[in-house]
Amino acid sequence: MLVFDPYSGETVSFNADRRFVAASLSKLYALLTLYRAASDGELSLDDEITMRPSDVWAYGTGVLSKYPNKYPVGYTMTLRECAKFMIKESDNTAELMLNRYLEEERIEAELHRIGADSTRYWSPINTTTPNDILLVLKSIADPSYTSPRLSADMLELMTNTTFEGRLPRPLPEQTRVAHKIGSYESTFSDAGIVFPEDSGGTGQEYYIVVFSEGAPQGEARETIQDISLAAYQAFSR
């Protein structure tokens, strides 16, 4: 786990360089790569992408594979809409669609560009470290890395997702948490940027990345919540 204060530059961490299964945290890589490419003029977020049979991933989270009558093979959406499915719903089919569109080599190159060199993107297994996830979060939140508008769009996709039971759960209702969860077997995680409610949703934010490995899901969720609340209380003081 780690907690980073961008204003003081101080970090509190434990096992921040240890490799964990990234699970759906890898969706942040595709998000950053997509929006970086948009900022470079290599694509438009209004470009369209069509769901192929090979994209459909029935395992795990998401809505595209669960409602084939509404989202049949051949369903077409914009890249922006696909990113929304991928982040808001943690949709595995949407991730496969964007991975195909962007290609793994481009996503890996983006990770190397920001210095996330300890992350293994599906080769041979999807692993990362808390420090690497922090680099991804920093790049998403940095308006100079894409643009102020694109950065704000990414943070909006990460806010008020379908999965708000970990980092956001114990915090005051007005607190904004732009985050992404991950779950795979006995590894559970949540990583994001917290904007305390007294800041009006801007400024004085902090970054938090928490992995739990080997504990049941309920216990892992409680641990993530406890760390989230402790960090919030520390910054409030």
C-alpha atoms as a PDB file:
ATOM      1  CA  MET A   1       0.000   0.000   0.000  1.00  0.00           C
ATOM      2  CA  LEU A   2       0.993   3.612  -0.332  1.00  0.00           C
ATOM      3  CA  VAL A   3      -0.366   7.061   0.339  1.00  0.00           C
ATOM      4  CA  PHE A   4       1.169  10.007  -1.494  1.00  0.00           C
ATOM      5  CA  ASP A   5       0.794  13.722  -0.726  1.00  0.00           C
ATOM      6  CA  PRO A   6       1.503  15.678  -3.939  1.00  0.00           C
ATOM      7  CA  TYR A   7       1.858  18.954  -2.047  1.00  0.00           C
ATOM      8  CA  SER A   8       4.597  17.881   0.371  1.00  0.00           C
ATOM      9  CA  GLY A   9       5.960  15.134  -1.871  1.00  0.00           C
ATOM     10  CA  GLU A  10       5.863  12.729   1.085  1.00  0.00           C
ATOM     11  CA  THR A  11       4.894   9.085   0.724  1.00  0.00           C
ATOM     12  CA  VAL A  12       3.924   6.524   3.340  1.00  0.00           C
ATOM     13  CA  SER A  13       4.219   3.015   1.963  1.00  0.00           C
ATOM     14  CA  PHE A  14       4.519  -0.678   2.718  1.00  0.00           C
ATOM     15  CA  ASN A  15       5.533  -3.232   0.071  1.00  0.00           C
ATOM     16  CA  ALA A  16       5.194  -0.526  -2.580  1.00  0.00           C
ATOM     17  CA  ASP A  17       7.612  -2.331  -4.915  1.00  0.00           C
ATOM     18  CA  ARG A  18       6.069  -5.763  -4.427  1.00  0.00           C
ATOM     19  CA  ARG A  19       4.357  -7.272  -7.457  1.00  0.00           C
ATOM     20  CA  PHE A  20       0.660  -8.082  -7.146  1.00  0.00           C
ATOM     21  CA  VAL A  21      -1.905  -9.330  -9.646  1.00  0.00           C
ATOM     22  CA  ALA A  22      -3.223  -6.152 -11.226  1.00  0.00           C
ATOM     23  CA  ALA A  23      -6.606  -7.602 -12.241  1.00  0.00           C
ATOM     24  CA  SER A  24      -8.879  -4.757 -13.379  1.00  0.00           C
ATOM     25  CA  LEU A  25      -6.403  -2.064 -12.410  1.00  0.00           C
ATOM     26  CA  SER A  26      -4.972  -2.810 -15.858  1.00  0.00           C
ATOM     27  CA  LYS A  27      -7.973  -0.983 -17.294  1.00  0.00           C
ATOM     28  CA  LEU A  28      -6.259   2.230 -16.187  1.00  0.00           C
ATOM     29  CA  TYR A  29      -3.414   1.485 -18.609  1.00  0.00           C
ATOM     30  CA  ALA A  30      -5.792   1.308 -21.562  1.00  0.00           C
ATOM     31  CA  LEU A  31      -7.594   4.448 -20.367  1.00  0.00           C
ATOM     32  CA  LEU A  32      -4.369   6.451 -20.149  1.00  0.00           C
ATOM     33  CA  THR A  33      -3.083   5.141 -23.493  1.00  0.00           C
ATOM     34  CA  LEU A  34      -6.359   5.975 -25.234  1.00  0.00           C
ATOM     35  CA  TYR A  35      -6.541   9.528 -23.913  1.00  0.00           C
ATOM     36  CA  ARG A  36      -2.851  10.170 -24.527  1.00  0.00           C
ATOM     37  CA  ALA A  37      -3.334   9.099 -28.143  1.00  0.00           C
ATOM     38  CA  ALA A  38      -6.316  11.447 -28.371  1.00  0.00           C
ATOM     39  CA  SER A  39      -4.236  14.326 -26.999  1.00  0.00           C
ATOM     40  CA  ASP A  40      -1.550  13.592 -29.619  1.00  0.00           C
ATOM     41  CA  GLY A  41      -4.146  13.696 -32.407  1.00  0.00           C
ATOM     42  CA  GLU A  42      -3.642  10.023 -33.278  1.00  0.00           C
ATOM     43  CA  LEU A  43      -7.344   9.295 -32.820  1.00  0.00           C
ATOM     44  CA  SER A  44     -10.607  10.947 -31.841  1.00  0.00           C
ATOM     45  CA  LEU A  45     -12.618   9.740 -28.875  1.00  0.00           C
ATOM     46  CA  ASP A  46     -15.632  10.061 -31.172  1.00  0.00           C
ATOM     47  CA  ASP A  47     -14.190   7.417 -33.511  1.00  0.00           C
ATOM     48  CA  GLU A  48     -16.276   4.245 -33.463  1.00  0.00           C
ATOM     49  CA  ILE A  49     -15.425   0.696 -32.443  1.00  0.00           C
ATOM     50  CA  THR A  50     -17.511  -2.428 -33.081  1.00  0.00           C
ATOM     51  CA  MET A  51     -17.771  -5.429 -30.794  1.00  0.00           C
ATOM     52  CA  ARG A  52     -16.423  -8.635 -32.337  1.00  0.00           C
ATOM     53  CA  PRO A  53     -17.111 -12.217 -31.199  1.00  0.00           C
ATOM     54  CA  SER A  54     -13.513 -12.461 -29.962  1.00  0.00           C
ATOM     55  CA  ASP A  55     -14.049  -9.423 -27.740  1.00  0.00           C
ATOM     56  CA  VAL A  56     -16.836 -10.945 -25.670  1.00  0.00           C
ATOM     57  CA  TRP A  57     -15.544 -11.908 -22.220  1.00  0.00           C
ATOM     58  CA  ALA A  58     -18.297 -13.475 -20.148  1.00  0.00           C
ATOM     59  CA  TYR A  59     -16.096 -13.910 -17.061  1.00  0.00           C
ATOM     60  CA  GLY A  60     -16.072 -11.297 -14.327  1.00  0.00           C
ATOM     61  CA  THR A  61     -17.511  -7.807 -14.347  1.00  0.00           C
ATOM     62  CA  GLY A  62     -19.263  -5.736 -16.962  1.00  0.00           C
ATOM     63  CA  VAL A  63     -22.573  -5.388 -18.774  1.00  0.00           C
ATOM     64  CA  LEU A  64     -21.696  -5.816 -22.464  1.00  0.00           C
ATOM     65  CA  SER A  65     -21.522  -9.615 -22.292  1.00  0.00           C
ATOM     66  CA  LYS A  66     -24.379  -9.983 -19.795  1.00  0.00           C
ATOM     67  CA  TYR A  67     -27.038  -8.284 -21.930  1.00  0.00           C
ATOM     68  CA  PRO A  68     -26.548  -9.667 -25.460  1.00  0.00           C
ATOM     69  CA  ASN A  69     -29.999  -8.501 -26.563  1.00  0.00           C
ATOM     70  CA  LYS A  70     -29.050  -4.912 -25.757  1.00  0.00           C
ATOM     71  CA  TYR A  71     -25.375  -5.203 -26.730  1.00  0.00           C
ATOM     72  CA  PRO A  72     -25.124  -7.894 -29.435  1.00  0.00           C
ATOM     73  CA  VAL A  73     -21.983  -8.765 -31.340  1.00  0.00           C
ATOM     74  CA  GLY A  74     -21.711  -6.054 -33.967  1.00  0.00           C
ATOM     75  CA  TYR A  75     -22.789  -3.355 -31.511  1.00  0.00           C
ATOM     76  CA  THR A  76     -20.979  -0.114 -32.322  1.00  0.00           C
ATOM     77  CA  MET A  77     -20.050   2.657 -29.892  1.00  0.00           C
ATOM     78  CA  THR A  78     -17.579   5.515 -29.713  1.00  0.00           C
ATOM     79  CA  LEU A  79     -14.182   5.047 -28.103  1.00  0.00           C
ATOM     80  CA  ARG A  80     -15.333   7.404 -25.365  1.00  0.00           C
ATOM     81  CA  GLU A  81     -18.367   5.225 -24.655  1.00  0.00           C
ATOM     82  CA  CYS A  82     -16.205   2.103 -24.644  1.00  0.00           C
ATOM     83  CA  ALA A  83     -13.880   3.717 -22.103  1.00  0.00           C
ATOM     84  CA  LYS A  84     -16.892   4.579 -19.969  1.00  0.00           C
ATOM     85  CA  PHE A  85     -18.035   0.944 -19.942  1.00  0.00           C
ATOM     86  CA  MET A  86     -14.485  -0.151 -19.114  1.00  0.00           C
ATOM     87  CA  ILE A  87     -14.060   2.173 -16.120  1.00  0.00           C
ATOM     88  CA  LYS A  88     -17.557   2.835 -14.732  1.00  0.00           C
ATOM     89  CA  GLU A  89     -18.658  -0.807 -15.047  1.00  0.00           C
ATOM     90  CA  SER A  90     -15.171  -2.380 -15.031  1.00  0.00           C
ATOM     91  CA  ASP A  91     -16.327  -4.098 -18.210  1.00  0.00           C
ATOM     92  CA  ASN A  92     -13.966  -6.831 -19.363  1.00  0.00           C
ATOM     93  CA  THR A  93     -15.376  -6.925 -22.899  1.00  0.00           C
ATOM     94  CA  ALA A  94     -14.806  -3.183 -23.271  1.00  0.00           C
ATOM     95  CA  GLU A  95     -11.213  -3.652 -22.119  1.00  0.00           C
ATOM     96  CA  LEU A  96     -10.629  -6.347 -24.738  1.00  0.00           C
ATOM     97  CA  MET A  97     -12.101  -4.079 -27.401  1.00  0.00           C
ATOM     98  CA  LEU A  98      -9.767  -1.216 -26.492  1.00  0.00           C
ATOM     99  CA  ASN A  99      -6.779  -3.548 -26.141  1.00  0.00           C
ATOM    100  CA  ARG A 100      -7.442  -4.753 -29.677  1.00  0.00           C
ATOM    101  CA  TYR A 101      -7.900  -1.230 -30.999  1.00  0.00           C
ATOM    102  CA  LEU A 102      -4.830   0.210 -29.280  1.00  0.00           C
ATOM    103  CA  GLU A 103      -2.707  -2.971 -29.444  1.00  0.00           C
ATOM    104  CA  GLU A 104      -0.727  -4.243 -26.479  1.00  0.00           C
ATOM    105  CA  GLU A 105       2.557  -2.861 -27.813  1.00  0.00           C
ATOM    106  CA  ARG A 106       1.226   0.697 -27.646  1.00  0.00           C
ATOM    107  CA  ILE A 107      -0.112   0.177 -24.106  1.00  0.00           C
ATOM    108  CA  GLU A 108       3.209  -1.302 -22.987  1.00  0.00           C
ATOM    109  CA  ALA A 109       5.061   1.619 -24.590  1.00  0.00           C
ATOM    110  CA  GLU A 110       2.840   4.034 -22.665  1.00  0.00           C
ATOM    111  CA  LEU A 111       3.682   2.275 -19.407  1.00  0.00           C
ATOM    112  CA  HIS A 112       7.394   2.533 -20.159  1.00  0.00           C
ATOM    113  CA  ARG A 113       6.996   6.204 -21.105  1.00  0.00           C
ATOM    114  CA  ILE A 114       5.746   7.061 -17.613  1.00  0.00           C
ATOM    115  CA  GLY A 115       8.315   4.821 -15.907  1.00  0.00           C
ATOM    116  CA  ALA A 116       6.008   1.987 -14.858  1.00  0.00           C
ATOM    117  CA  ASP A 117       8.692  -0.551 -15.707  1.00  0.00           C
ATOM    118  CA  SER A 118       7.769  -3.118 -13.047  1.00  0.00           C
ATOM    119  CA  THR A 119       4.349  -3.730 -14.586  1.00  0.00           C
ATOM    120  CA  ARG A 120       3.880  -6.866 -16.680  1.00  0.00           C
ATOM    121  CA  TYR A 121       0.985  -6.427 -19.052  1.00  0.00           C
ATOM    122  CA  TRP A 122      -0.309  -9.925 -19.793  1.00  0.00           C
ATOM    123  CA  SER A 123       3.195 -11.286 -20.387  1.00  0.00           C
ATOM    124  CA  PRO A 124       3.156 -13.813 -18.900  1.00  0.00           C
ATOM    125  CA  ILE A 125       0.756 -12.574 -16.207  1.00  0.00           C
ATOM    126  CA  ASN A 126      -0.878  -9.255 -15.474  1.00  0.00           C
ATOM    127  CA  THR A 127       1.090  -7.916 -12.499  1.00  0.00           C
ATOM    128  CA  THR A 128       2.009  -4.499 -11.163  1.00  0.00           C
ATOM    129  CA  THR A 129       3.260  -2.696  -8.069  1.00  0.00           C
ATOM    130  CA  PRO A 130       1.682   0.057  -5.936  1.00  0.00           C
ATOM    131  CA  ASN A 131       4.447   2.415  -7.084  1.00  0.00           C
ATOM    132  CA  ASP A 132       3.651   1.759 -10.749  1.00  0.00           C
ATOM    133  CA  ILE A 133      -0.061   2.307 -10.195  1.00  0.00           C
ATOM    134  CA  LEU A 134       0.803   5.614  -8.535  1.00  0.00           C
ATOM    135  CA  LEU A 135       2.653   6.642 -11.709  1.00  0.00           C
ATOM    136  CA  VAL A 136      -0.411   5.791 -13.788  1.00  0.00           C
ATOM    137  CA  LEU A 137      -2.684   7.791 -11.484  1.00  0.00           C
ATOM    138  CA  LYS A 138      -0.323  10.771 -11.564  1.00  0.00           C
ATOM    139  CA  SER A 139      -0.296  10.727 -15.371  1.00  0.00           C
ATOM    140  CA  ILE A 140      -4.092  10.546 -15.538  1.00  0.00           C
ATOM    141  CA  ALA A 141      -4.431  13.494 -13.146  1.00  0.00           C
ATOM    142  CA  ASP A 142      -1.706  15.593 -14.794  1.00  0.00           C
ATOM    143  CA  PRO A 143      -3.410  18.041 -17.199  1.00  0.00           C
ATOM    144  CA  SER A 144      -0.129  18.612 -19.000  1.00  0.00           C
ATOM    145  CA  TYR A 145       0.231  14.928 -19.872  1.00  0.00           C
ATOM    146  CA  THR A 146      -2.934  14.904 -22.001  1.00  0.00           C
ATOM    147  CA  SER A 147      -4.902  18.152 -21.628  1.00  0.00           C
ATOM    148  CA  PRO A 148      -6.949  19.762 -18.868  1.00  0.00           C
ATOM    149  CA  ARG A 149     -10.170  18.593 -20.511  1.00  0.00           C
ATOM    150  CA  LEU A 150      -9.010  15.043 -21.178  1.00  0.00           C
ATOM    151  CA  SER A 151      -7.565  14.681 -17.692  1.00  0.00           C
ATOM    152  CA  ALA A 152     -10.842  15.890 -16.198  1.00  0.00           C
ATOM    153  CA  ASP A 153     -12.756  13.436 -18.389  1.00  0.00           C
ATOM    154  CA  MET A 154     -10.685  10.496 -17.164  1.00  0.00           C
ATOM    155  CA  LEU A 155     -11.149  11.491 -13.529  1.00  0.00           C
ATOM    156  CA  GLU A 156     -14.895  11.817 -14.101  1.00  0.00           C
ATOM    157  CA  LEU A 157     -15.036   8.262 -15.478  1.00  0.00           C
ATOM    158  CA  MET A 158     -13.297   7.061 -12.306  1.00  0.00           C
ATOM    159  CA  THR A 159     -15.791   8.857 -10.039  1.00  0.00           C
ATOM    160  CA  ASN A 160     -19.110   7.325  -8.866  1.00  0.00           C
ATOM    161  CA  THR A 161     -18.479   3.951 -10.464  1.00  0.00           C
ATOM    162  CA  THR A 162     -20.536   0.821  -9.951  1.00  0.00           C
ATOM    163  CA  PHE A 163     -17.965  -0.289  -7.366  1.00  0.00           C
ATOM    164  CA  GLU A 164     -17.874   2.191  -4.482  1.00  0.00           C
ATOM    165  CA  GLY A 165     -17.526  -0.231  -1.559  1.00  0.00           C
ATOM    166  CA  ARG A 166     -13.792  -0.003  -0.913  1.00  0.00           C
ATOM    167  CA  LEU A 167     -11.845   3.280  -0.755  1.00  0.00           C
ATOM    168  CA  PRO A 168     -14.911   5.583  -0.909  1.00  0.00           C
ATOM    169  CA  ARG A 169     -17.137   3.662   1.508  1.00  0.00           C
ATOM    170  CA  PRO A 170     -15.977   4.956   4.922  1.00  0.00           C
ATOM    171  CA  LEU A 171     -15.400   8.556   3.816  1.00  0.00           C
ATOM    172  CA  PRO A 172     -17.855  11.450   4.169  1.00  0.00           C
ATOM    173  CA  GLU A 173     -20.514  11.444   1.482  1.00  0.00           C
ATOM    174  CA  GLN A 174     -19.305  14.658  -0.152  1.00  0.00           C
ATOM    175  CA  THR A 175     -15.782  13.301  -0.656  1.00  0.00           C
ATOM    176  CA  ARG A 176     -14.877  12.725  -4.289  1.00  0.00           C
ATOM    177  CA  VAL A 177     -12.856   9.572  -4.987  1.00  0.00           C
ATOM    178  CA  ALA A 178     -11.628   8.983  -8.547  1.00  0.00           C
ATOM    179  CA  HIS A 179     -10.529   5.356  -8.413  1.00  0.00           C
ATOM    180  CA  LYS A 180     -10.428   1.861  -9.909  1.00  0.00           C
ATOM    181  CA  ILE A 181     -10.818  -1.469  -8.150  1.00  0.00           C
ATOM    182  CA  GLY A 182      -9.259  -4.830  -8.977  1.00  0.00           C
ATOM    183  CA  SER A 183     -10.309  -8.352  -7.962  1.00  0.00           C
ATOM    184  CA  TYR A 184      -8.780 -11.689  -8.897  1.00  0.00           C
ATOM    185  CA  GLU A 185      -9.009 -14.834  -6.772  1.00  0.00           C
ATOM    186  CA  SER A 186      -7.585 -13.765  -3.365  1.00  0.00           C
ATOM    187  CA  THR A 187      -6.115 -10.429  -4.509  1.00  0.00           C
ATOM    188  CA  PHE A 188      -8.293  -7.355  -4.004  1.00  0.00           C
ATOM    189  CA  SER A 189      -7.267  -3.760  -4.584  1.00  0.00           C
ATOM    190  CA  ASP A 190      -8.411  -0.200  -4.987  1.00  0.00           C
ATOM    191  CA  ALA A 191      -6.385   2.765  -6.183  1.00  0.00           C
ATOM    192  CA  GLY A 192      -7.327   6.360  -6.647  1.00  0.00           C
ATOM    193  CA  ILE A 193      -7.217  10.047  -5.867  1.00  0.00           C
ATOM    194  CA  VAL A 194      -9.198  11.450  -2.963  1.00  0.00           C
ATOM    195  CA  PHE A 195     -10.560  15.001  -3.045  1.00  0.00           C
ATOM    196  CA  PRO A 196     -11.781  15.851   0.501  1.00  0.00           C
ATOM    197  CA  GLU A 197     -15.201  17.458   0.648  1.00  0.00           C
ATOM    198  CA  ASP A 198     -13.970  20.653   2.317  1.00  0.00           C
ATOM    199  CA  SER A 199     -11.933  21.470  -0.794  1.00  0.00           C
ATOM    200  CA  GLY A 200     -15.024  21.686  -2.958  1.00  0.00           C
ATOM    201  CA  GLY A 201     -13.720  18.794  -5.024  1.00  0.00           C
ATOM    202  CA  THR A 202     -10.576  20.612  -6.135  1.00  0.00           C
ATOM    203  CA  GLY A 203      -7.131  20.915  -4.617  1.00  0.00           C
ATOM    204  CA  GLN A 204      -5.501  19.285  -1.601  1.00  0.00           C
ATOM    205  CA  GLU A 205      -6.043  15.856  -3.060  1.00  0.00           C
ATOM    206  CA  TYR A 206      -3.992  12.799  -2.122  1.00  0.00           C
ATOM    207  CA  TYR A 207      -3.268   9.477  -3.798  1.00  0.00           C
ATOM    208  CA  ILE A 208      -3.867   6.059  -2.267  1.00  0.00           C
ATOM    209  CA  VAL A 209      -3.149   2.539  -3.548  1.00  0.00           C
ATOM    210  CA  VAL A 210      -4.056  -0.527  -1.485  1.00  0.00           C
ATOM    211  CA  PHE A 211      -3.629  -4.224  -2.310  1.00  0.00           C
ATOM    212  CA  SER A 212      -4.811  -7.119  -0.145  1.00  0.00           C
ATOM    213  CA  GLU A 213      -3.562 -10.615  -0.945  1.00  0.00           C
ATOM    214  CA  GLY A 214      -4.591 -13.907   0.612  1.00  0.00           C
ATOM    215  CA  ALA A 215      -7.555 -12.743   2.707  1.00  0.00           C
ATOM    216  CA  PRO A 216     -11.258 -13.415   2.020  1.00  0.00           C
ATOM    217  CA  GLN A 217     -13.002 -10.687   0.055  1.00  0.00           C
ATOM    218  CA  GLY A 218     -14.956  -9.356   3.031  1.00  0.00           C
ATOM    219  CA  GLU A 219     -11.854  -9.079   5.171  1.00  0.00           C
ATOM    220  CA  ALA A 220      -9.901  -7.503   2.315  1.00  0.00           C
ATOM    221  CA  ARG A 221     -12.655  -4.953   1.763  1.00  0.00           C
ATOM    222  CA  GLU A 222     -12.629  -4.008   5.447  1.00  0.00           C
ATOM    223  CA  THR A 223      -8.845  -3.632   5.405  1.00  0.00           C
ATOM    224  CA  ILE A 224      -9.003  -1.320   2.382  1.00  0.00           C
ATOM    225  CA  GLN A 225     -11.734   0.696   4.076  1.00  0.00           C
ATOM    226  CA  ASP A 226      -9.734   0.970   7.311  1.00  0.00           C
ATOM    227  CA  ILE A 227      -6.638   2.225   5.479  1.00  0.00           C
ATOM    228  CA  SER A 228      -8.745   4.648   3.453  1.00  0.00           C
ATOM    229  CA  LEU A 229     -10.340   6.124   6.572  1.00  0.00           C
ATOM    230  CA  ALA A 230      -6.994   6.368   8.398  1.00  0.00           C
ATOM    231  CA  ALA A 231      -5.461   8.239   5.474  1.00  0.00           C
ATOM    232  CA  TYR A 232      -8.426  10.598   5.259  1.00  0.00           C
ATOM    233  CA  GLN A 233      -8.265  11.345   8.983  1.00  0.00           C
ATOM    234  CA  ALA A 234      -4.523  11.964   8.789  1.00  0.00           C
ATOM    235  CA  PHE A 235      -4.953  14.495   5.981  1.00  0.00           C
ATOM    236  CA  SER A 236      -7.892  16.108   7.752  1.00  0.00           C
ATOM    237  CA  ARG A 237      -5.659  16.789  10.735  1.00  0.00           C
END
